[in-house]
Protein backbone atom coordinates (compact mmCIF):
# COMPACT_ATOMS: atom_id res chain seq x y z
CA MET A 1 -42.55 78.08 -11.11
CA GLU A 2 -38.75 78.31 -11.91
CA ILE A 3 -36.45 79.73 -9.24
CA THR A 4 -35.77 83.00 -11.02
CA ALA A 5 -39.37 83.69 -11.52
CA HIS A 6 -40.15 82.93 -8.03
CA ALA A 7 -37.21 85.18 -6.75
CA ARG A 8 -38.54 87.93 -9.06
CA GLN A 9 -42.22 87.65 -7.68
CA TRP A 10 -40.92 87.50 -4.17
CA GLY A 11 -38.76 90.50 -4.75
CA ALA A 12 -41.77 92.45 -6.28
CA GLU A 13 -43.94 91.56 -3.31
CA TYR A 14 -41.55 91.86 -0.53
CA GLY A 15 -38.31 93.42 -1.55
CA PRO A 16 -37.42 96.95 -2.36
CA PRO A 17 -38.99 98.64 -5.36
CA ALA A 18 -37.56 97.94 -8.65
CA HIS A 19 -36.30 101.48 -9.20
CA GLU A 20 -34.46 101.33 -6.00
CA MET A 21 -33.01 98.14 -7.04
CA GLU A 22 -31.91 99.69 -10.51
CA ALA A 23 -30.49 102.59 -8.60
CA ARG A 24 -28.32 100.38 -6.56
CA HIS A 25 -27.09 98.42 -9.53
CA ALA A 26 -26.30 101.79 -11.32
CA TRP A 27 -24.39 103.17 -8.26
CA ARG A 28 -22.40 99.79 -7.91
CA GLN A 29 -21.41 99.99 -11.58
CA ALA A 30 -20.49 103.70 -11.33
CA HIS A 31 -18.64 103.32 -8.03
CA PRO A 32 -16.78 99.91 -8.08
CA ALA A 33 -14.28 100.62 -5.30
CA GLU A 34 -16.95 101.81 -2.83
CA ALA A 35 -19.14 98.80 -3.85
CA ALA A 36 -16.09 96.50 -3.16
CA ALA A 37 -15.48 98.07 0.17
CA ALA A 38 -19.13 97.62 1.10
CA ASP A 39 -19.11 94.05 0.07
CA ARG A 40 -15.95 93.49 2.21
CA ARG A 41 -17.75 95.17 5.21
CA GLN A 42 -20.78 92.80 4.72
CA ALA A 43 -18.76 89.63 4.24
CA PRO A 44 -18.38 88.68 7.88
CA ARG A 45 -22.15 89.10 8.50
CA LEU A 46 -22.97 87.21 5.24
CA ALA A 47 -20.49 84.35 6.23
CA GLU A 48 -22.19 83.93 9.59
CA ILE A 49 -25.59 83.77 7.97
CA ARG A 50 -24.19 81.09 5.56
CA ARG A 51 -22.66 79.21 8.57
CA LYS A 52 -26.01 79.21 10.53
CA ALA A 53 -28.02 78.09 7.53
CA GLU A 54 -25.52 75.28 6.88
CA ALA A 55 -25.68 74.18 10.32
CA GLN A 56 -29.45 74.22 10.34
CA ALA A 57 -29.44 72.16 7.10
CA ARG A 58 -26.96 69.68 8.74
CA GLN A 59 -29.40 69.42 11.70
CA ARG A 60 -32.38 68.88 9.48
CA ALA A 61 -30.72 66.15 7.70
CA ALA A 62 -29.54 64.46 10.84
CA THR A 63 -33.11 64.62 12.16
CA ALA A 64 -34.51 63.13 9.00
CA GLN A 65 -31.98 60.27 9.12
CA ARG A 66 -32.84 59.56 12.76
CA SER A 67 -36.60 59.45 11.83
CA ARG A 68 -35.61 57.11 9.04
CA SER A 69 -33.76 54.86 11.25
CA VAL A 70 -36.46 54.81 13.91
CA ALA A 71 -39.11 53.96 11.26
CA ALA A 72 -36.88 51.17 9.99
CA TYR A 73 -36.39 49.78 13.54
CA ARG A 74 -40.06 49.78 14.13
CA ALA A 75 -40.71 47.99 10.93
CA ARG A 76 -38.28 45.36 11.70
CA LEU A 77 -39.73 45.13 15.24
CA ALA A 78 -43.32 44.78 13.88
CA ALA A 79 -42.13 42.15 11.38
CA LEU A 80 -40.88 40.13 14.39
CA ASN A 81 -44.22 40.14 16.17
């Protein structure tokens, strides 16, 4: 399933109803200044969410690297015995 189809399906199942999303989009189109102000108010929160997600991704990558290193060490150790 491609990402957009997955996102659409997720939105249909868990997100707001389609008519709400269409209404939000229409409001944003009709009120660009207010929409931009709302975006600016949300920016710090979204940046914090992004930072946390990036830190979590770095931590997962480091854990995976350690797992690979340990597996390689154990393989070399087993080859010596």
